[in-house]
């Protein structure tokens, strides 16, 4: 499935969240990541995020599509280069 994750977390947790998401997805914008994940990978990522964030203060939005072809993306301005995730 194709996944887009955006987050807004307290500054002291930003680096940990960013580092974790880079293991699974490609960084596309400040606080935004996207890429292909299996259900198992997404579930593992959710658990790891819950260990880092403060659910009473932080927010993480996960958008998912069954197929990347079903997701239309339009970029206005300069598109940041996509880096390859560490996990496939």
PDB file of N, CA and C in Angstrom:
ATOM      1  N   UNK A   1       0.840  -1.171   0.000  1.00  0.00           N
ATOM      2  CA  UNK A   1       0.000   0.000   0.000  1.00  0.00           C
ATOM      3  C   UNK A   1       0.883   1.232   0.000  1.00  0.00           C
ATOM      4  N   UNK A   2       0.322   2.332  -0.500  1.00  0.00           N
ATOM      5  CA  UNK A   2       1.052   3.597  -0.553  1.00  0.00           C
ATOM      6  C   UNK A   2       0.642   4.425   0.660  1.00  0.00           C
ATOM      7  N   UNK A   3       1.629   4.979   1.366  1.00  0.00           N
ATOM      8  CA  UNK A   3       1.381   5.667   2.629  1.00  0.00           C
ATOM      9  C   UNK A   3       2.014   7.059   2.600  1.00  0.00           C
ATOM     10  N   UNK A   4       1.276   8.031   3.136  1.00  0.00           N
ATOM     11  CA  UNK A   4       1.803   9.370   3.384  1.00  0.00           C
ATOM     12  C   UNK A   4       1.622   9.641   4.868  1.00  0.00           C
ATOM     13  N   UNK A   5       2.694  10.050   5.535  1.00  0.00           N
ATOM     14  CA  UNK A   5       2.630  10.363   6.962  1.00  0.00           C
ATOM     15  C   UNK A   5       3.113  11.790   7.167  1.00  0.00           C
ATOM     16  N   UNK A   6       2.307  12.559   7.885  1.00  0.00           N
ATOM     17  CA  UNK A   6       2.691  13.914   8.276  1.00  0.00           C
ATOM     18  C   UNK A   6       2.576  14.002   9.793  1.00  0.00           C
ATOM     19  N   UNK A   7       3.419  14.816  10.389  1.00  0.00           N
ATOM     20  CA  UNK A   7       3.418  14.871  11.848  1.00  0.00           C
ATOM     21  C   UNK A   7       3.686  16.267  12.356  1.00  0.00           C
ATOM     22  N   UNK A   8       3.221  16.498  13.568  1.00  0.00           N
ATOM     23  CA  UNK A   8       3.490  17.734  14.301  1.00  0.00           C
ATOM     24  C   UNK A   8       3.767  17.297  15.736  1.00  0.00           C
ATOM     25  N   UNK A   9       5.041  17.284  16.089  1.00  0.00           N
ATOM     26  CA  UNK A   9       5.433  16.823  17.424  1.00  0.00           C
ATOM     27  C   UNK A   9       6.283  17.887  18.101  1.00  0.00           C
ATOM     28  N   UNK A  10       6.360  17.797  19.418  1.00  0.00           N
ATOM     29  CA  UNK A  10       7.179  18.738  20.178  1.00  0.00           C
ATOM     30  C   UNK A  10       8.625  18.665  19.692  1.00  0.00           C
ATOM     31  N   UNK A  11       9.287  19.802  19.671  1.00  0.00           N
ATOM     32  CA  UNK A  11      10.630  19.925  19.112  1.00  0.00           C
ATOM     33  C   UNK A  11      11.602  18.863  19.633  1.00  0.00           C
ATOM     34  N   UNK A  12      11.510  18.526  20.913  1.00  0.00           N
ATOM     35  CA  UNK A  12      12.476  17.564  21.468  1.00  0.00           C
ATOM     36  C   UNK A  12      12.285  16.143  20.923  1.00  0.00           C
ATOM     37  N   UNK A  13      11.150  15.869  20.256  1.00  0.00           N
ATOM     38  CA  UNK A  13      10.899  14.549  19.678  1.00  0.00           C
ATOM     39  C   UNK A  13      11.010  14.524  18.153  1.00  0.00           C
ATOM     40  N   UNK A  14      11.192  15.666  17.533  1.00  0.00           N
ATOM     41  CA  UNK A  14      11.223  15.743  16.064  1.00  0.00           C
ATOM     42  C   UNK A  14      12.316  14.853  15.479  1.00  0.00           C
ATOM     43  N   UNK A  15      13.513  14.931  15.988  1.00  0.00           N
ATOM     44  CA  UNK A  15      14.625  14.149  15.436  1.00  0.00           C
ATOM     45  C   UNK A  15      14.358  12.648  15.519  1.00  0.00           C
ATOM     46  N   UNK A  16      13.805  12.179  16.631  1.00  0.00           N
ATOM     47  CA  UNK A  16      13.525  10.748  16.787  1.00  0.00           C
ATOM     48  C   UNK A  16      12.449  10.290  15.804  1.00  0.00           C
ATOM     49  N   UNK A  17      11.399  11.090  15.658  1.00  0.00           N
ATOM     50  CA  UNK A  17      10.324  10.731  14.726  1.00  0.00           C
ATOM     51  C   UNK A  17      10.856  10.735  13.301  1.00  0.00           C
ATOM     52  N   UNK A  18      11.591  11.752  12.934  1.00  0.00           N
ATOM     53  CA  UNK A  18      12.153  11.857  11.593  1.00  0.00           C
ATOM     54  C   UNK A  18      13.085  10.676  11.291  1.00  0.00           C
ATOM     55  N   UNK A  19      13.953  10.360  12.231  1.00  0.00           N
ATOM     56  CA  UNK A  19      14.888   9.245  12.054  1.00  0.00           C
ATOM     57  C   UNK A  19      14.133   7.922  11.872  1.00  0.00           C
ATOM     58  N   UNK A  20      13.092   7.709  12.648  1.00  0.00           N
ATOM     59  CA  UNK A  20      12.298   6.491  12.516  1.00  0.00           C
ATOM     60  C   UNK A  20      11.620   6.435  11.157  1.00  0.00           C
ATOM     61  N   UNK A  21      10.964   7.503  10.744  1.00  0.00           N
ATOM     62  CA  UNK A  21      10.250   7.502   9.472  1.00  0.00           C
ATOM     63  C   UNK A  21      11.191   7.317   8.292  1.00  0.00           C
ATOM     64  N   UNK A  22      12.402   7.824   8.375  1.00  0.00           N
ATOM     65  CA  UNK A  22      13.386   7.646   7.296  1.00  0.00           C
ATOM     66  C   UNK A  22      13.756   6.170   7.115  1.00  0.00           C
ATOM     67  N   UNK A  23      13.587   5.364   8.142  1.00  0.00           N
ATOM     68  CA  UNK A  23      13.863   3.923   8.022  1.00  0.00           C
ATOM     69  C   UNK A  23      12.818   3.224   7.166  1.00  0.00           C
ATOM     70  N   UNK A  24      11.631   3.778   7.081  1.00  0.00           N
ATOM     71  CA  UNK A  24      10.523   3.137   6.385  1.00  0.00           C
ATOM     72  C   UNK A  24      10.098   3.837   5.093  1.00  0.00           C
ATOM     73  N   UNK A  25      10.209   5.163   5.051  1.00  0.00           N
ATOM     74  CA  UNK A  25       9.628   5.947   3.966  1.00  0.00           C
ATOM     75  C   UNK A  25      10.614   6.976   3.431  1.00  0.00           C
ATOM     76  N   UNK A  26      10.254   7.606   2.336  1.00  0.00           N
ATOM     77  CA  UNK A  26      11.073   8.658   1.734  1.00  0.00           C
ATOM     78  C   UNK A  26      10.619  10.011   2.261  1.00  0.00           C
ATOM     79  N   UNK A  27      11.578  10.848   2.619  1.00  0.00           N
ATOM     80  CA  UNK A  27      11.293  12.195   3.097  1.00  0.00           C
ATOM     81  C   UNK A  27      10.951  13.063   1.896  1.00  0.00           C
ATOM     82  N   UNK A  28       9.809  13.778   1.951  1.00  0.00           N
ATOM     83  CA  UNK A  28       9.408  14.610   0.824  1.00  0.00           C
ATOM     84  C   UNK A  28       9.232  16.077   1.191  1.00  0.00           C
ATOM     85  N   UNK A  29       9.113  16.389   2.456  1.00  0.00           N
ATOM     86  CA  UNK A  29       8.880  17.754   2.897  1.00  0.00           C
ATOM     87  C   UNK A  29       9.088  17.778   4.407  1.00  0.00           C
ATOM     88  N   UNK A  30       9.313  18.948   4.972  1.00  0.00           N
ATOM     89  CA  UNK A  30       9.429  19.015   6.425  1.00  0.00           C
ATOM     90  C   UNK A  30       8.211  18.341   7.048  1.00  0.00           C
ATOM     91  N   UNK A  31       8.439  17.389   7.891  1.00  0.00           N
ATOM     92  CA  UNK A  31       7.384  16.667   8.605  1.00  0.00           C
ATOM     93  C   UNK A  31       6.466  15.856   7.699  1.00  0.00           C
ATOM     94  N   UNK A  32       6.938  15.454   6.530  1.00  0.00           N
ATOM     95  CA  UNK A  32       6.123  14.645   5.614  1.00  0.00           C
ATOM     96  C   UNK A  32       6.965  13.563   4.949  1.00  0.00           C
ATOM     97  N   UNK A  33       6.430  12.350   4.944  1.00  0.00           N
ATOM     98  CA  UNK A  33       7.094  11.193   4.354  1.00  0.00           C
ATOM     99  C   UNK A  33       6.096  10.413   3.521  1.00  0.00           C
ATOM    100  N   UNK A  34       6.583   9.681   2.516  1.00  0.00           N
ATOM    101  CA  UNK A  34       5.702   8.860   1.691  1.00  0.00           C
ATOM    102  C   UNK A  34       6.445   7.651   1.169  1.00  0.00           C
ATOM    103  N   UNK A  35       5.674   6.629   0.788  1.00  0.00           N
ATOM    104  CA  UNK A  35       6.275   5.442   0.200  1.00  0.00           C
ATOM    105  C   UNK A  35       5.390   4.226   0.329  1.00  0.00           C
ATOM    106  N   UNK A  36       5.887   3.111  -0.172  1.00  0.00           N
ATOM    107  CA  UNK A  36       5.187   1.831  -0.160  1.00  0.00           C
ATOM    108  C   UNK A  36       5.532   1.056   1.112  1.00  0.00           C
ATOM    109  N   UNK A  37       4.505   0.532   1.784  1.00  0.00           N
ATOM    110  CA  UNK A  37       4.691  -0.309   2.968  1.00  0.00           C
ATOM    111  C   UNK A  37       3.734  -1.487   2.903  1.00  0.00           C
ATOM    112  N   UNK A  38       4.123  -2.569   3.532  1.00  0.00           N
ATOM    113  CA  UNK A  38       3.193  -3.679   3.730  1.00  0.00           C
ATOM    114  C   UNK A  38       2.364  -3.375   4.984  1.00  0.00           C
ATOM    115  N   UNK A  39       1.292  -4.125   5.174  1.00  0.00           N
ATOM    116  CA  UNK A  39       0.481  -3.962   6.392  1.00  0.00           C
ATOM    117  C   UNK A  39       1.337  -4.204   7.629  1.00  0.00           C
ATOM    118  N   UNK A  40       2.197  -5.216   7.575  1.00  0.00           N
ATOM    119  CA  UNK A  40       3.051  -5.541   8.721  1.00  0.00           C
ATOM    120  C   UNK A  40       4.030  -4.406   9.017  1.00  0.00           C
ATOM    121  N   UNK A  41       4.616  -3.831   7.990  1.00  0.00           N
ATOM    122  CA  UNK A  41       5.538  -2.718   8.194  1.00  0.00           C
ATOM    123  C   UNK A  41       4.815  -1.512   8.789  1.00  0.00           C
ATOM    124  N   UNK A  42       3.617  -1.223   8.288  1.00  0.00           N
ATOM    125  CA  UNK A  42       2.865  -0.099   8.812  1.00  0.00           C
ATOM    126  C   UNK A  42       2.488  -0.322  10.274  1.00  0.00           C
ATOM    127  N   UNK A  43       2.092  -1.519  10.609  1.00  0.00           N
ATOM    128  CA  UNK A  43       1.744  -1.825  11.997  1.00  0.00           C
ATOM    129  C   UNK A  43       2.961  -1.680  12.910  1.00  0.00           C
ATOM    130  N   UNK A  44       4.113  -2.162  12.462  1.00  0.00           N
ATOM    131  CA  UNK A  44       5.345  -2.015  13.241  1.00  0.00           C
ATOM    132  C   UNK A  44       5.699  -0.544  13.410  1.00  0.00           C
ATOM    133  N   UNK A  45       5.567   0.222  12.337  1.00  0.00           N
ATOM    134  CA  UNK A  45       5.851   1.654  12.385  1.00  0.00           C
ATOM    135  C   UNK A  45       4.921   2.359  13.367  1.00  0.00           C
ATOM    136  N   UNK A  46       3.647   2.006  13.357  1.00  0.00           N
ATOM    137  CA  UNK A  46       2.695   2.601  14.308  1.00  0.00           C
ATOM    138  C   UNK A  46       3.132   2.371  15.749  1.00  0.00           C
ATOM    139  N   UNK A  47       3.511   1.146  16.063  1.00  0.00           N
ATOM    140  CA  UNK A  47       3.937   0.833  17.437  1.00  0.00           C
ATOM    141  C   UNK A  47       5.191   1.621  17.819  1.00  0.00           C
ATOM    142  N   UNK A  48       6.124   1.722  16.887  1.00  0.00           N
ATOM    143  CA  UNK A  48       7.354   2.468  17.168  1.00  0.00           C
ATOM    144  C   UNK A  48       7.068   3.954  17.356  1.00  0.00           C
ATOM    145  N   UNK A  49       6.150   4.498  16.566  1.00  0.00           N
ATOM    146  CA  UNK A  49       5.762   5.903  16.737  1.00  0.00           C
ATOM    147  C   UNK A  49       5.111   6.134  18.095  1.00  0.00           C
ATOM    148  N   UNK A  50       4.246   5.222  18.509  1.00  0.00           N
ATOM    149  CA  UNK A  50       3.573   5.360  19.803  1.00  0.00           C
ATOM    150  C   UNK A  50       4.556   5.337  20.964  1.00  0.00           C
ATOM    151  N   UNK A  51       5.701   4.677  20.778  1.00  0.00           N
ATOM    152  CA  UNK A  51       6.739   4.668  21.809  1.00  0.00           C
ATOM    153  C   UNK A  51       7.467   6.002  21.907  1.00  0.00           C
ATOM    154  N   UNK A  52       7.447   6.777  20.833  1.00  0.00           N
ATOM    155  CA  UNK A  52       8.178   8.041  20.792  1.00  0.00           C
ATOM    156  C   UNK A  52       7.303   9.243  21.139  1.00  0.00           C
ATOM    157  N   UNK A  53       6.112   9.293  20.564  1.00  0.00           N
ATOM    158  CA  UNK A  53       5.298  10.511  20.693  1.00  0.00           C
ATOM    159  C   UNK A  53       4.578  10.577  22.033  1.00  0.00           C
ATOM    160  N   UNK A  54       4.153  11.786  22.364  1.00  0.00           N
ATOM    161  CA  UNK A  54       3.261  12.022  23.503  1.00  0.00           C
ATOM    162  C   UNK A  54       1.873  12.172  22.909  1.00  0.00           C
ATOM    163  N   UNK A  55       1.043  11.139  23.037  1.00  0.00           N
ATOM    164  CA  UNK A  55      -0.275  11.122  22.400  1.00  0.00           C
ATOM    165  C   UNK A  55      -1.189  12.233  22.902  1.00  0.00           C
ATOM    166  N   UNK A  56      -0.894  12.811  24.030  1.00  0.00           N
ATOM    167  CA  UNK A  56      -1.691  13.909  24.544  1.00  0.00           C
ATOM    168  C   UNK A  56      -1.288  15.261  23.989  1.00  0.00           C
ATOM    169  N   UNK A  57      -0.159  15.320  23.294  1.00  0.00           N
ATOM    170  CA  UNK A  57       0.351  16.590  22.786  1.00  0.00           C
ATOM    171  C   UNK A  57       0.640  16.542  21.283  1.00  0.00           C
ATOM    172  N   UNK A  58       1.275  15.473  20.830  1.00  0.00           N
ATOM    173  CA  UNK A  58       1.724  15.351  19.441  1.00  0.00           C
ATOM    174  C   UNK A  58       0.622  14.792  18.550  1.00  0.00           C
ATOM    175  N   UNK A  59       0.789  14.974  17.233  1.00  0.00           N
ATOM    176  CA  UNK A  59      -0.138  14.350  16.287  1.00  0.00           C
ATOM    177  C   UNK A  59       0.620  13.796  15.093  1.00  0.00           C
ATOM    178  N   UNK A  60       0.168  12.630  14.642  1.00  0.00           N
ATOM    179  CA  UNK A  60       0.713  11.977  13.457  1.00  0.00           C
ATOM    180  C   UNK A  60      -0.484  11.554  12.605  1.00  0.00           C
ATOM    181  N   UNK A  61      -0.503  11.990  11.354  1.00  0.00           N
ATOM    182  CA  UNK A  61      -1.575  11.628  10.431  1.00  0.00           C
ATOM    183  C   UNK A  61      -1.026  10.619   9.436  1.00  0.00           C
ATOM    184  N   UNK A  62      -1.749   9.517   9.256  1.00  0.00           N
ATOM    185  CA  UNK A  62      -1.353   8.478   8.315  1.00  0.00           C
ATOM    186  C   UNK A  62      -2.437   8.364   7.249  1.00  0.00           C
ATOM    187  N   UNK A  63      -2.059   8.624   6.009  1.00  0.00           N
ATOM    188  CA  UNK A  63      -2.960   8.492   4.867  1.00  0.00           C
ATOM    189  C   UNK A  63      -2.494   7.285   4.071  1.00  0.00           C
ATOM    190  N   UNK A  64      -3.428   6.446   3.638  1.00  0.00           N
ATOM    191  CA  UNK A  64      -3.030   5.241   2.930  1.00  0.00           C
ATOM    192  C   UNK A  64      -3.953   4.960   1.750  1.00  0.00           C
ATOM    193  N   UNK A  65      -3.344   4.408   0.712  1.00  0.00           N
ATOM    194  CA  UNK A  65      -4.056   3.994  -0.482  1.00  0.00           C
ATOM    195  C   UNK A  65      -3.632   2.569  -0.798  1.00  0.00           C
ATOM    196  N   UNK A  66      -4.543   1.800  -1.342  1.00  0.00           N
ATOM    197  CA  UNK A  66      -4.201   0.411  -1.673  1.00  0.00           C
ATOM    198  C   UNK A  66      -3.130   0.329  -2.755  1.00  0.00           C
ATOM    199  N   UNK A  67      -3.128   1.335  -3.625  1.00  0.00           N
ATOM    200  CA  UNK A  67      -2.185   1.335  -4.746  1.00  0.00           C
ATOM    201  C   UNK A  67      -1.725   2.762  -4.998  1.00  0.00           C
ATOM    202  N   UNK A  68      -0.455   2.928  -5.270  1.00  0.00           N
ATOM    203  CA  UNK A  68       0.093   4.266  -5.529  1.00  0.00           C
ATOM    204  C   UNK A  68      -0.615   4.943  -6.701  1.00  0.00           C
ATOM    205  N   UNK A  69      -1.082   4.146  -7.667  1.00  0.00           N
ATOM    206  CA  UNK A  69      -1.761   4.703  -8.834  1.00  0.00           C
ATOM    207  C   UNK A  69      -3.066   5.407  -8.456  1.00  0.00           C
ATOM    208  N   UNK A  70      -3.638   5.066  -7.310  1.00  0.00           N
ATOM    209  CA  UNK A  70      -4.878   5.694  -6.864  1.00  0.00           C
ATOM    210  C   UNK A  70      -4.643   7.034  -6.180  1.00  0.00           C
ATOM    211  N   UNK A  71      -3.403   7.354  -5.907  1.00  0.00           N
ATOM    212  CA  UNK A  71      -3.046   8.594  -5.223  1.00  0.00           C
ATOM    213  C   UNK A  71      -2.503   9.591  -6.241  1.00  0.00           C
ATOM    214  N   UNK A  72      -3.146  10.724  -6.342  1.00  0.00           N
ATOM    215  CA  UNK A  72      -2.643  11.767  -7.229  1.00  0.00           C
ATOM    216  C   UNK A  72      -1.909  12.802  -6.400  1.00  0.00           C
ATOM    217  N   UNK A  73      -0.726  13.167  -6.845  1.00  0.00           N
ATOM    218  CA  UNK A  73       0.073  14.153  -6.133  1.00  0.00           C
ATOM    219  C   UNK A  73       0.411  15.294  -7.081  1.00  0.00           C
ATOM    220  N   UNK A  74       0.219  16.500  -6.607  1.00  0.00           N
ATOM    221  CA  UNK A  74       0.594  17.679  -7.364  1.00  0.00           C
ATOM    222  C   UNK A  74       1.522  18.513  -6.500  1.00  0.00           C
ATOM    223  N   UNK A  75       2.653  18.888  -7.052  1.00  0.00           N
ATOM    224  CA  UNK A  75       3.630  19.686  -6.318  1.00  0.00           C
ATOM    225  C   UNK A  75       3.673  21.074  -6.943  1.00  0.00           C
ATOM    226  N   UNK A  76       3.473  22.069  -6.127  1.00  0.00           N
ATOM    227  CA  UNK A  76       3.613  23.457  -6.576  1.00  0.00           C
ATOM    228  C   UNK A  76       4.955  23.961  -6.072  1.00  0.00           C
ATOM    229  N   UNK A  77       5.742  24.554  -6.941  1.00  0.00           N
ATOM    230  CA  UNK A  77       7.073  24.990  -6.538  1.00  0.00           C
ATOM    231  C   UNK A  77       8.084  23.877  -6.701  1.00  0.00           C
ATOM    232  N   UNK A  78       9.174  24.006  -6.009  1.00  0.00           N
ATOM    233  CA  UNK A  78      10.296  23.068  -6.127  1.00  0.00           C
ATOM    234  C   UNK A  78       9.997  21.771  -5.385  1.00  0.00           C
ATOM    235  N   UNK A  79      10.119  20.667  -6.087  1.00  0.00           N
ATOM    236  CA  UNK A  79       9.940  19.364  -5.450  1.00  0.00           C
ATOM    237  C   UNK A  79      11.254  18.945  -4.818  1.00  0.00           C
ATOM    238  N   UNK A  80      11.185  18.577  -3.553  1.00  0.00           N
ATOM    239  CA  UNK A  80      12.385  18.094  -2.879  1.00  0.00           C
ATOM    240  C   UNK A  80      12.691  16.697  -3.390  1.00  0.00           C
ATOM    241  N   UNK A  81      13.970  16.364  -3.446  1.00  0.00           N
ATOM    242  CA  UNK A  81      14.349  15.055  -3.959  1.00  0.00           C
ATOM    243  C   UNK A  81      13.927  13.969  -2.987  1.00  0.00           C
ATOM    244  N   UNK A  82      13.434  12.897  -3.528  1.00  0.00           N
ATOM    245  CA  UNK A  82      13.031  11.763  -2.701  1.00  0.00           C
ATOM    246  C   UNK A  82      14.255  10.910  -2.410  1.00  0.00           C
ATOM    247  N   UNK A  83      14.434  10.573  -1.151  1.00  0.00           N
ATOM    248  CA  UNK A  83      15.506   9.657  -0.791  1.00  0.00           C
ATOM    249  C   UNK A  83      14.907   8.275  -0.647  1.00  0.00           C
ATOM    250  N   UNK A  84      15.675   7.280  -0.928  1.00  0.00           N
ATOM    251  CA  UNK A  84      15.186   5.908  -0.824  1.00  0.00           C
ATOM    252  C   UNK A  84      15.097   5.496   0.639  1.00  0.00           C
ATOM    253  N   UNK A  85      14.023   4.818   1.026  1.00  0.00           N
ATOM    254  CA  UNK A  85      13.930   4.333   2.403  1.00  0.00           C
ATOM    255  C   UNK A  85      14.911   3.193   2.633  1.00  0.00           C
ATOM    256  N   UNK A  86      15.234   2.955   3.882  1.00  0.00           N
ATOM    257  CA  UNK A  86      16.173   1.884   4.215  1.00  0.00           C
ATOM    258  C   UNK A  86      15.524   0.513   4.169  1.00  0.00           C
ATOM    259  N   UNK A  87      14.234   0.430   4.423  1.00  0.00           N
ATOM    260  CA  UNK A  87      13.514  -0.844   4.379  1.00  0.00           C
ATOM    261  C   UNK A  87      12.677  -0.915   3.123  1.00  0.00           C
ATOM    262  N   UNK A  88      12.571  -2.064   2.555  1.00  0.00           N
ATOM    263  CA  UNK A  88      11.739  -2.260   1.371  1.00  0.00           C
ATOM    264  C   UNK A  88      10.616  -3.193   1.709  1.00  0.00           C
TER     265      UNK A  88
END
